[in-house]
């Protein structure tokens, strides 16, 4: 418990230092690839969220998701890409191969689908190579290019609002 507190403190310090010099990337291109960063602690319906995103006209093979899981129970290994709290080193890098490869992909849009800010998720959003980052308005406003005022339980509303504004911005 005490080690988790120290790790959180270190990660928050790294995030704070990174955000002071952080400039949100500017993209002018169309949306072809989408990455979704999901906090499965509060939202476990990953498949429904991906189906809602692909219903907006994107190919299923162009949508990639990475889930954050607080703890993986013994014998219940998820079949999809995920990372846990233990997969983040105290000095910032991700040790899980799934998380490292996800963060290195240059997505056109990264959807940070978490409305409760946690250091591993915030760090993953910061380290992502995505050209356009979208998320909830309850998280730090410096992280995202575009924010939607909604809640994670209303994923259909969130996706509809996001894609409505992507169409207005002529990204689709």
N, C-alpha and C. Protein backbone atom coordinates (compact mmCIF):
# COMPACT_ATOMS: atom_id res chain seq x y z
N UNK A 1 0.82 -1.19 0.00
CA UNK A 1 0.00 0.00 0.00
C UNK A 1 0.87 1.25 0.00
N UNK A 2 1.88 1.23 0.84
CA UNK A 2 2.77 2.39 0.93
C UNK A 2 3.58 2.56 -0.35
N UNK A 3 4.00 1.43 -0.95
CA UNK A 3 4.75 1.50 -2.20
C UNK A 3 3.88 2.05 -3.34
N UNK A 4 2.60 1.71 -3.34
CA UNK A 4 1.69 2.24 -4.36
C UNK A 4 1.56 3.75 -4.21
N UNK A 5 1.52 4.22 -2.98
CA UNK A 5 1.45 5.66 -2.71
C UNK A 5 2.68 6.37 -3.25
N UNK A 6 3.85 5.80 -3.02
CA UNK A 6 5.10 6.40 -3.50
C UNK A 6 5.14 6.38 -5.03
N UNK A 7 4.71 5.27 -5.63
CA UNK A 7 4.69 5.16 -7.08
C UNK A 7 3.74 6.19 -7.68
N UNK A 8 2.55 6.35 -7.08
CA UNK A 8 1.60 7.37 -7.54
C UNK A 8 2.22 8.76 -7.45
N UNK A 9 2.89 9.03 -6.36
CA UNK A 9 3.52 10.33 -6.18
C UNK A 9 4.56 10.59 -7.26
N UNK A 10 5.41 9.59 -7.56
CA UNK A 10 6.44 9.73 -8.60
C UNK A 10 5.80 9.95 -9.97
N UNK A 11 4.78 9.16 -10.27
CA UNK A 11 4.13 9.29 -11.57
C UNK A 11 3.45 10.65 -11.72
N UNK A 12 2.81 11.12 -10.66
CA UNK A 12 2.18 12.45 -10.71
C UNK A 12 3.21 13.54 -10.90
N UNK A 13 4.38 13.39 -10.31
CA UNK A 13 5.45 14.37 -10.48
C UNK A 13 5.96 14.36 -11.92
N UNK A 14 6.11 13.17 -12.50
CA UNK A 14 6.53 13.06 -13.90
C UNK A 14 5.50 13.69 -14.81
N UNK A 15 4.22 13.42 -14.55
CA UNK A 15 3.14 14.00 -15.37
C UNK A 15 3.13 15.51 -15.25
N UNK A 16 3.28 16.02 -14.05
CA UNK A 16 3.28 17.47 -13.84
C UNK A 16 4.44 18.12 -14.59
N UNK A 17 5.62 17.54 -14.52
CA UNK A 17 6.78 18.09 -15.21
C UNK A 17 6.62 18.01 -16.73
N UNK A 18 6.03 16.94 -17.20
CA UNK A 18 5.82 16.78 -18.64
C UNK A 18 4.76 17.76 -19.15
N UNK A 19 3.72 17.98 -18.37
CA UNK A 19 2.64 18.87 -18.81
C UNK A 19 3.06 20.34 -18.85
N UNK A 20 4.09 20.72 -18.12
CA UNK A 20 4.51 22.12 -18.16
C UNK A 20 5.06 22.50 -19.53
N UNK A 21 5.69 21.55 -20.23
CA UNK A 21 6.26 21.82 -21.55
C UNK A 21 5.47 21.16 -22.67
N UNK A 22 4.33 20.61 -22.36
CA UNK A 22 3.56 19.83 -23.32
C UNK A 22 2.77 20.72 -24.26
N UNK A 23 2.88 20.45 -25.53
CA UNK A 23 2.07 21.11 -26.55
C UNK A 23 1.25 20.02 -27.24
N UNK A 24 -0.04 20.20 -27.27
CA UNK A 24 -0.91 19.22 -27.92
C UNK A 24 -0.57 19.17 -29.40
N UNK A 25 -0.47 17.97 -29.96
CA UNK A 25 -0.15 17.86 -31.39
C UNK A 25 -1.25 18.44 -32.25
N UNK A 26 -0.87 18.98 -33.38
CA UNK A 26 -1.81 19.56 -34.32
C UNK A 26 -1.87 18.65 -35.54
N UNK A 27 -3.08 18.25 -35.90
CA UNK A 27 -3.23 17.38 -37.06
C UNK A 27 -4.17 18.04 -38.05
N UNK A 28 -3.87 17.84 -39.31
CA UNK A 28 -4.72 18.41 -40.33
C UNK A 28 -5.35 17.35 -41.21
N UNK A 29 -4.97 16.10 -40.99
CA UNK A 29 -5.43 15.03 -41.86
C UNK A 29 -6.76 14.43 -41.44
N UNK A 30 -7.19 13.51 -42.27
CA UNK A 30 -8.42 12.79 -42.03
C UNK A 30 -8.20 11.66 -41.03
N UNK A 31 -9.27 11.23 -40.40
CA UNK A 31 -9.21 10.15 -39.42
C UNK A 31 -9.35 8.82 -40.16
N UNK A 32 -8.31 8.00 -40.02
CA UNK A 32 -8.33 6.66 -40.58
C UNK A 32 -8.13 5.64 -39.47
N UNK A 33 -7.18 5.90 -38.58
CA UNK A 33 -6.89 4.98 -37.48
C UNK A 33 -7.31 5.61 -36.15
N UNK A 34 -7.86 4.79 -35.27
CA UNK A 34 -8.32 5.26 -33.97
C UNK A 34 -7.78 4.32 -32.89
N UNK A 35 -7.25 4.92 -31.84
CA UNK A 35 -6.84 4.17 -30.67
C UNK A 35 -7.74 4.53 -29.51
N UNK A 36 -8.13 3.54 -28.73
CA UNK A 36 -9.01 3.78 -27.59
C UNK A 36 -8.31 3.28 -26.33
N UNK A 37 -8.15 4.17 -25.38
CA UNK A 37 -7.56 3.85 -24.09
C UNK A 37 -8.69 3.78 -23.07
N UNK A 38 -8.96 2.59 -22.54
CA UNK A 38 -10.13 2.35 -21.70
C UNK A 38 -9.72 2.01 -20.27
N UNK A 39 -10.42 2.61 -19.31
CA UNK A 39 -10.27 2.22 -17.92
C UNK A 39 -11.35 1.20 -17.61
N UNK A 40 -10.97 -0.07 -17.56
CA UNK A 40 -11.96 -1.13 -17.34
C UNK A 40 -12.40 -1.24 -15.89
N UNK A 41 -11.85 -0.41 -15.01
CA UNK A 41 -12.31 -0.39 -13.64
C UNK A 41 -13.73 0.18 -13.58
N UNK A 42 -14.00 1.19 -14.38
CA UNK A 42 -15.29 1.87 -14.37
C UNK A 42 -16.16 1.55 -15.58
N UNK A 43 -15.55 1.06 -16.64
CA UNK A 43 -16.31 0.77 -17.85
C UNK A 43 -15.81 -0.56 -18.42
N UNK A 44 -16.62 -1.59 -18.31
CA UNK A 44 -16.20 -2.93 -18.72
C UNK A 44 -16.76 -3.37 -20.07
N UNK A 45 -17.56 -2.55 -20.71
CA UNK A 45 -18.20 -2.95 -21.97
C UNK A 45 -17.36 -2.50 -23.17
N UNK A 46 -16.18 -3.04 -23.25
CA UNK A 46 -15.19 -2.68 -24.27
C UNK A 46 -15.71 -2.96 -25.68
N UNK A 47 -16.34 -4.12 -25.87
CA UNK A 47 -16.81 -4.52 -27.19
C UNK A 47 -17.91 -3.58 -27.70
N UNK A 48 -18.80 -3.15 -26.82
CA UNK A 48 -19.88 -2.24 -27.22
C UNK A 48 -19.31 -0.88 -27.63
N UNK A 49 -18.30 -0.42 -26.92
CA UNK A 49 -17.66 0.85 -27.27
C UNK A 49 -16.99 0.76 -28.63
N UNK A 50 -16.27 -0.33 -28.88
CA UNK A 50 -15.62 -0.50 -30.18
C UNK A 50 -16.66 -0.62 -31.31
N UNK A 51 -17.77 -1.29 -31.03
CA UNK A 51 -18.83 -1.41 -32.03
C UNK A 51 -19.44 -0.04 -32.34
N UNK A 52 -19.59 0.78 -31.31
CA UNK A 52 -20.15 2.13 -31.51
C UNK A 52 -19.20 2.99 -32.34
N UNK A 53 -17.91 2.86 -32.11
CA UNK A 53 -16.92 3.63 -32.89
C UNK A 53 -16.90 3.16 -34.34
N UNK A 54 -16.93 1.85 -34.56
CA UNK A 54 -16.92 1.36 -35.94
C UNK A 54 -18.23 1.65 -36.66
N UNK A 55 -19.32 1.83 -35.91
CA UNK A 55 -20.60 2.19 -36.53
C UNK A 55 -20.56 3.59 -37.14
N UNK A 56 -19.57 4.36 -36.78
CA UNK A 56 -19.44 5.72 -37.32
C UNK A 56 -18.74 5.74 -38.68
N UNK A 57 -18.46 4.58 -39.24
CA UNK A 57 -17.91 4.50 -40.59
C UNK A 57 -16.44 4.12 -40.64
N UNK A 58 -15.86 3.68 -39.54
CA UNK A 58 -14.46 3.26 -39.54
C UNK A 58 -14.37 1.74 -39.67
N UNK A 59 -13.31 1.29 -40.31
CA UNK A 59 -13.09 -0.15 -40.44
C UNK A 59 -12.66 -0.73 -39.10
N UNK A 60 -13.12 -1.93 -38.79
CA UNK A 60 -12.82 -2.56 -37.51
C UNK A 60 -11.33 -2.81 -37.33
N UNK A 61 -10.60 -3.05 -38.43
CA UNK A 61 -9.17 -3.30 -38.32
C UNK A 61 -8.36 -2.01 -38.13
N UNK A 62 -9.01 -0.87 -38.24
CA UNK A 62 -8.34 0.42 -38.02
C UNK A 62 -8.60 0.96 -36.61
N UNK A 63 -9.36 0.23 -35.81
CA UNK A 63 -9.66 0.64 -34.43
C UNK A 63 -8.94 -0.32 -33.49
N UNK A 64 -8.09 0.24 -32.63
CA UNK A 64 -7.32 -0.56 -31.68
C UNK A 64 -7.63 -0.06 -30.28
N UNK A 65 -7.76 -1.01 -29.34
CA UNK A 65 -8.07 -0.63 -27.96
C UNK A 65 -7.03 -1.21 -27.01
N UNK A 66 -6.76 -0.45 -25.96
CA UNK A 66 -5.89 -0.88 -24.87
C UNK A 66 -6.63 -0.60 -23.58
N UNK A 67 -6.71 -1.61 -22.73
CA UNK A 67 -7.45 -1.47 -21.48
C UNK A 67 -6.51 -1.38 -20.29
N UNK A 68 -6.92 -0.58 -19.32
CA UNK A 68 -6.22 -0.52 -18.04
C UNK A 68 -7.06 -1.28 -17.03
N UNK A 69 -6.44 -2.26 -16.37
CA UNK A 69 -7.11 -3.07 -15.37
C UNK A 69 -6.33 -2.93 -14.08
N UNK A 70 -7.02 -2.58 -12.99
CA UNK A 70 -6.33 -2.41 -11.71
C UNK A 70 -5.59 -3.67 -11.30
N UNK A 71 -6.30 -4.77 -11.23
CA UNK A 71 -5.71 -6.06 -10.86
C UNK A 71 -6.32 -7.15 -11.71
N UNK A 72 -5.48 -8.05 -12.19
CA UNK A 72 -5.97 -9.21 -12.93
C UNK A 72 -6.11 -10.35 -11.95
N UNK A 73 -7.30 -10.90 -11.87
CA UNK A 73 -7.55 -12.02 -10.97
C UNK A 73 -6.90 -13.28 -11.51
N UNK A 74 -6.43 -14.13 -10.61
CA UNK A 74 -5.78 -15.36 -11.01
C UNK A 74 -6.75 -16.23 -11.80
N UNK A 75 -6.27 -16.73 -12.93
CA UNK A 75 -7.08 -17.58 -13.78
C UNK A 75 -8.01 -16.84 -14.71
N UNK A 76 -8.04 -15.52 -14.65
CA UNK A 76 -8.92 -14.73 -15.51
C UNK A 76 -8.10 -13.77 -16.36
N UNK A 77 -7.23 -14.32 -17.17
CA UNK A 77 -6.40 -13.53 -18.06
C UNK A 77 -7.26 -12.98 -19.20
N UNK A 78 -7.36 -11.65 -19.37
CA UNK A 78 -8.17 -11.09 -20.46
C UNK A 78 -7.62 -11.49 -21.83
N UNK A 79 -8.50 -11.64 -22.79
CA UNK A 79 -8.11 -12.05 -24.15
C UNK A 79 -7.69 -10.87 -25.00
N UNK A 80 -7.86 -9.65 -24.51
CA UNK A 80 -7.52 -8.47 -25.28
C UNK A 80 -6.29 -7.77 -24.70
N UNK A 81 -5.79 -6.76 -25.42
CA UNK A 81 -4.60 -6.02 -24.97
C UNK A 81 -4.94 -5.21 -23.73
N UNK A 82 -4.08 -5.30 -22.72
CA UNK A 82 -4.31 -4.58 -21.48
C UNK A 82 -2.98 -4.30 -20.79
N UNK A 83 -3.03 -3.42 -19.80
CA UNK A 83 -1.91 -3.23 -18.90
C UNK A 83 -2.46 -2.98 -17.51
N UNK A 84 -1.62 -3.23 -16.52
CA UNK A 84 -2.02 -3.06 -15.13
C UNK A 84 -1.14 -2.01 -14.49
N UNK A 85 -1.45 -1.73 -13.26
CA UNK A 85 -0.67 -0.76 -12.49
C UNK A 85 0.78 -1.21 -12.37
N UNK A 86 1.00 -2.53 -12.28
CA UNK A 86 2.35 -3.06 -12.14
C UNK A 86 3.16 -2.99 -13.43
N UNK A 87 2.50 -2.73 -14.56
CA UNK A 87 3.20 -2.64 -15.85
C UNK A 87 3.76 -1.25 -16.12
N UNK A 88 3.64 -0.36 -15.17
CA UNK A 88 4.20 0.98 -15.29
C UNK A 88 5.31 1.11 -14.26
N UNK A 89 6.50 1.41 -14.74
CA UNK A 89 7.62 1.59 -13.82
C UNK A 89 7.46 2.92 -13.08
N UNK A 90 8.09 3.03 -11.92
CA UNK A 90 7.96 4.24 -11.11
C UNK A 90 8.59 5.45 -11.79
N UNK A 91 9.50 5.23 -12.74
CA UNK A 91 10.11 6.35 -13.44
C UNK A 91 9.44 6.64 -14.78
N UNK A 92 8.32 5.97 -15.09
CA UNK A 92 7.51 6.36 -16.23
C UNK A 92 7.34 5.40 -17.38
N UNK A 93 8.33 4.60 -17.77
CA UNK A 93 8.12 3.74 -18.95
C UNK A 93 7.17 2.58 -18.67
N UNK A 94 6.52 2.13 -19.74
CA UNK A 94 5.61 1.00 -19.65
C UNK A 94 6.38 -0.28 -19.96
N UNK A 95 6.20 -1.29 -19.12
CA UNK A 95 6.92 -2.55 -19.31
C UNK A 95 6.11 -3.59 -20.05
N UNK A 96 4.80 -3.42 -20.13
CA UNK A 96 3.95 -4.37 -20.86
C UNK A 96 4.14 -4.16 -22.36
N UNK A 97 4.43 -5.22 -23.11
CA UNK A 97 4.62 -5.07 -24.56
C UNK A 97 3.39 -4.52 -25.28
N UNK A 98 2.20 -4.91 -24.82
CA UNK A 98 0.97 -4.41 -25.45
C UNK A 98 0.84 -2.90 -25.29
N UNK A 99 1.16 -2.40 -24.11
CA UNK A 99 1.07 -0.96 -23.86
C UNK A 99 2.14 -0.21 -24.64
N UNK A 100 3.35 -0.73 -24.67
CA UNK A 100 4.44 -0.06 -25.39
C UNK A 100 4.15 0.05 -26.88
N UNK A 101 3.68 -1.04 -27.49
CA UNK A 101 3.38 -0.99 -28.92
C UNK A 101 2.19 -0.10 -29.22
N UNK A 102 1.18 -0.10 -28.35
CA UNK A 102 0.01 0.77 -28.53
C UNK A 102 0.42 2.24 -28.49
N UNK A 103 1.26 2.61 -27.53
CA UNK A 103 1.66 4.01 -27.38
C UNK A 103 2.58 4.48 -28.49
N UNK A 104 3.25 3.57 -29.18
CA UNK A 104 4.14 3.96 -30.28
C UNK A 104 3.42 4.08 -31.62
N UNK A 105 2.20 3.61 -31.70
CA UNK A 105 1.45 3.70 -32.96
C UNK A 105 0.99 5.14 -33.18
N UNK A 106 1.17 5.65 -34.39
CA UNK A 106 0.74 7.02 -34.69
C UNK A 106 -0.74 7.08 -35.11
N UNK A 107 -1.63 6.99 -34.15
CA UNK A 107 -3.06 7.04 -34.44
C UNK A 107 -3.46 8.44 -34.92
N UNK A 108 -4.50 8.48 -35.74
CA UNK A 108 -5.06 9.78 -36.14
C UNK A 108 -5.85 10.38 -34.99
N UNK A 109 -6.54 9.53 -34.21
CA UNK A 109 -7.29 9.98 -33.04
C UNK A 109 -7.06 8.98 -31.90
N UNK A 110 -6.77 9.52 -30.73
CA UNK A 110 -6.73 8.71 -29.51
C UNK A 110 -7.92 9.12 -28.66
N UNK A 111 -8.76 8.14 -28.33
CA UNK A 111 -9.90 8.39 -27.46
C UNK A 111 -9.50 7.91 -26.07
N UNK A 112 -9.34 8.84 -25.15
CA UNK A 112 -9.03 8.51 -23.76
C UNK A 112 -10.35 8.30 -23.05
N UNK A 113 -10.79 7.05 -22.98
CA UNK A 113 -12.11 6.76 -22.45
C UNK A 113 -12.04 6.45 -20.96
N UNK A 114 -11.75 7.47 -20.20
CA UNK A 114 -11.78 7.38 -18.73
C UNK A 114 -12.14 8.75 -18.21
N UNK A 115 -13.02 8.78 -17.21
CA UNK A 115 -13.42 10.06 -16.65
C UNK A 115 -12.90 10.26 -15.23
N UNK A 116 -12.22 9.28 -14.69
CA UNK A 116 -11.54 9.41 -13.41
C UNK A 116 -10.05 9.34 -13.69
N UNK A 117 -9.35 10.38 -13.34
CA UNK A 117 -7.94 10.49 -13.68
C UNK A 117 -7.09 9.61 -12.77
N UNK A 118 -6.30 8.73 -13.38
CA UNK A 118 -5.36 7.87 -12.68
C UNK A 118 -4.00 8.08 -13.31
N UNK A 119 -2.93 8.08 -12.52
CA UNK A 119 -1.60 8.33 -13.08
C UNK A 119 -1.20 7.43 -14.25
N UNK A 120 -1.44 6.11 -14.23
CA UNK A 120 -1.05 5.31 -15.40
C UNK A 120 -1.79 5.69 -16.68
N UNK A 121 -3.07 6.01 -16.56
CA UNK A 121 -3.85 6.39 -17.73
C UNK A 121 -3.43 7.76 -18.26
N UNK A 122 -3.20 8.69 -17.36
CA UNK A 122 -2.74 10.02 -17.77
C UNK A 122 -1.39 9.94 -18.45
N UNK A 123 -0.50 9.15 -17.91
CA UNK A 123 0.82 8.98 -18.49
C UNK A 123 0.73 8.32 -19.87
N UNK A 124 -0.15 7.35 -20.02
CA UNK A 124 -0.35 6.70 -21.31
C UNK A 124 -0.86 7.70 -22.35
N UNK A 125 -1.79 8.56 -21.96
CA UNK A 125 -2.30 9.58 -22.87
C UNK A 125 -1.18 10.54 -23.28
N UNK A 126 -0.37 10.93 -22.32
CA UNK A 126 0.74 11.84 -22.62
C UNK A 126 1.76 11.22 -23.56
N UNK A 127 2.07 9.95 -23.36
CA UNK A 127 3.11 9.30 -24.14
C UNK A 127 2.64 8.80 -25.50
N UNK A 128 1.36 8.86 -25.77
CA UNK A 128 0.82 8.39 -27.03
C UNK A 128 1.30 9.29 -28.18
N UNK A 129 1.51 8.67 -29.34
CA UNK A 129 1.97 9.38 -30.53
C UNK A 129 0.79 9.81 -31.41
N UNK A 130 -0.40 9.84 -30.85
CA UNK A 130 -1.60 10.19 -31.61
C UNK A 130 -1.57 11.65 -32.04
N UNK A 131 -2.14 11.92 -33.20
CA UNK A 131 -2.16 13.28 -33.74
C UNK A 131 -3.28 14.13 -33.15
N UNK A 132 -4.34 13.51 -32.68
CA UNK A 132 -5.50 14.21 -32.15
C UNK A 132 -5.98 13.41 -30.95
N UNK A 133 -6.09 14.04 -29.79
CA UNK A 133 -6.47 13.34 -28.58
C UNK A 133 -7.80 13.87 -28.07
N UNK A 134 -8.72 12.96 -27.81
CA UNK A 134 -10.04 13.34 -27.33
C UNK A 134 -10.32 12.59 -26.03
N UNK A 135 -11.05 13.26 -25.13
CA UNK A 135 -11.36 12.63 -23.86
C UNK A 135 -12.49 13.33 -23.16
N UNK A 136 -12.65 13.02 -21.90
CA UNK A 136 -13.71 13.59 -21.09
C UNK A 136 -13.27 14.92 -20.49
N UNK A 137 -14.23 15.79 -20.25
CA UNK A 137 -13.93 17.11 -19.69
C UNK A 137 -13.57 17.04 -18.21
N UNK A 138 -13.77 15.91 -17.57
CA UNK A 138 -13.44 15.77 -16.15
C UNK A 138 -11.95 15.50 -15.93
N UNK A 139 -11.21 15.24 -16.99
CA UNK A 139 -9.77 15.02 -16.87
C UNK A 139 -9.04 16.34 -17.13
N UNK A 140 -7.74 16.31 -17.01
CA UNK A 140 -6.92 17.51 -17.19
C UNK A 140 -7.08 18.05 -18.61
N UNK A 141 -7.41 19.31 -18.73
CA UNK A 141 -7.69 19.91 -20.04
C UNK A 141 -6.46 20.04 -20.92
N UNK A 142 -5.27 19.95 -20.34
CA UNK A 142 -4.04 20.06 -21.14
C UNK A 142 -3.73 18.78 -21.89
N UNK A 143 -4.36 17.69 -21.53
CA UNK A 143 -4.08 16.40 -22.16
C UNK A 143 -4.68 16.25 -23.54
N UNK A 144 -5.84 16.83 -23.75
CA UNK A 144 -6.62 16.55 -24.94
C UNK A 144 -6.76 17.77 -25.85
N UNK A 145 -6.88 17.48 -27.13
CA UNK A 145 -7.18 18.50 -28.12
C UNK A 145 -8.67 18.82 -28.08
N UNK A 146 -9.47 17.81 -27.80
CA UNK A 146 -10.92 17.97 -27.79
C UNK A 146 -11.50 17.21 -26.60
N UNK A 147 -12.45 17.82 -25.89
CA UNK A 147 -13.05 17.19 -24.72
C UNK A 147 -14.58 17.22 -24.83
N UNK A 148 -15.19 16.15 -24.34
CA UNK A 148 -16.65 16.02 -24.36
C UNK A 148 -17.12 15.98 -22.91
N UNK A 149 -18.15 16.77 -22.61
CA UNK A 149 -18.73 16.78 -21.28
C UNK A 149 -19.79 15.68 -21.21
N UNK A 150 -19.37 14.53 -20.73
CA UNK A 150 -20.26 13.38 -20.63
C UNK A 150 -19.71 12.48 -19.52
N UNK A 151 -20.34 11.33 -19.35
CA UNK A 151 -19.87 10.35 -18.38
C UNK A 151 -19.59 9.05 -19.11
N UNK A 152 -18.72 8.24 -18.54
CA UNK A 152 -18.30 7.00 -19.20
C UNK A 152 -19.46 6.03 -19.41
N UNK A 153 -20.46 6.07 -18.55
CA UNK A 153 -21.60 5.18 -18.71
C UNK A 153 -22.41 5.51 -19.96
N UNK A 154 -22.37 6.76 -20.40
CA UNK A 154 -23.09 7.20 -21.59
C UNK A 154 -22.16 7.15 -22.81
N UNK A 155 -21.63 5.98 -23.11
CA UNK A 155 -20.64 5.87 -24.18
C UNK A 155 -21.23 6.19 -25.55
N UNK A 156 -22.51 5.89 -25.76
CA UNK A 156 -23.12 6.20 -27.06
C UNK A 156 -23.19 7.71 -27.27
N UNK A 157 -23.55 8.44 -26.23
CA UNK A 157 -23.59 9.90 -26.30
C UNK A 157 -22.20 10.47 -26.54
N UNK A 158 -21.21 9.93 -25.85
CA UNK A 158 -19.83 10.40 -26.01
C UNK A 158 -19.35 10.21 -27.44
N UNK A 159 -19.54 9.02 -27.99
CA UNK A 159 -19.09 8.72 -29.35
C UNK A 159 -19.84 9.57 -30.36
N UNK A 160 -21.15 9.74 -30.17
CA UNK A 160 -21.94 10.55 -31.10
C UNK A 160 -21.46 12.01 -31.10
N UNK A 161 -21.22 12.57 -29.92
CA UNK A 161 -20.73 13.95 -29.83
C UNK A 161 -19.34 14.09 -30.44
N UNK A 162 -18.47 13.15 -30.15
CA UNK A 162 -17.11 13.21 -30.68
C UNK A 162 -17.12 13.17 -32.20
N UNK A 163 -17.84 12.25 -32.77
CA UNK A 163 -17.85 12.13 -34.22
C UNK A 163 -18.64 13.25 -34.89
N UNK A 164 -19.60 13.83 -34.20
CA UNK A 164 -20.30 14.99 -34.74
C UNK A 164 -19.31 16.14 -34.92
N UNK A 165 -18.48 16.35 -33.91
CA UNK A 165 -17.51 17.44 -34.01
C UNK A 165 -16.34 17.12 -34.90
N UNK A 166 -15.99 15.85 -35.04
CA UNK A 166 -14.96 15.48 -36.01
C UNK A 166 -15.43 15.76 -37.43
N UNK A 167 -16.72 15.56 -37.67
CA UNK A 167 -17.28 15.89 -38.99
C UNK A 167 -17.28 17.41 -39.21
N UNK A 168 -17.61 18.16 -38.17
CA UNK A 168 -17.58 19.62 -38.27
C UNK A 168 -16.15 20.12 -38.55
N UNK A 169 -15.19 19.50 -37.90
CA UNK A 169 -13.78 19.87 -38.09
C UNK A 169 -13.20 19.29 -39.38
N UNK A 170 -14.03 18.60 -40.15
CA UNK A 170 -13.67 17.99 -41.43
C UNK A 170 -12.53 16.98 -41.27
N UNK A 171 -12.64 16.19 -40.24
CA UNK A 171 -11.67 15.12 -40.00
C UNK A 171 -12.18 13.79 -40.54
N UNK A 172 -13.48 13.73 -40.83
CA UNK A 172 -14.07 12.50 -41.38
C UNK A 172 -14.51 12.70 -42.80
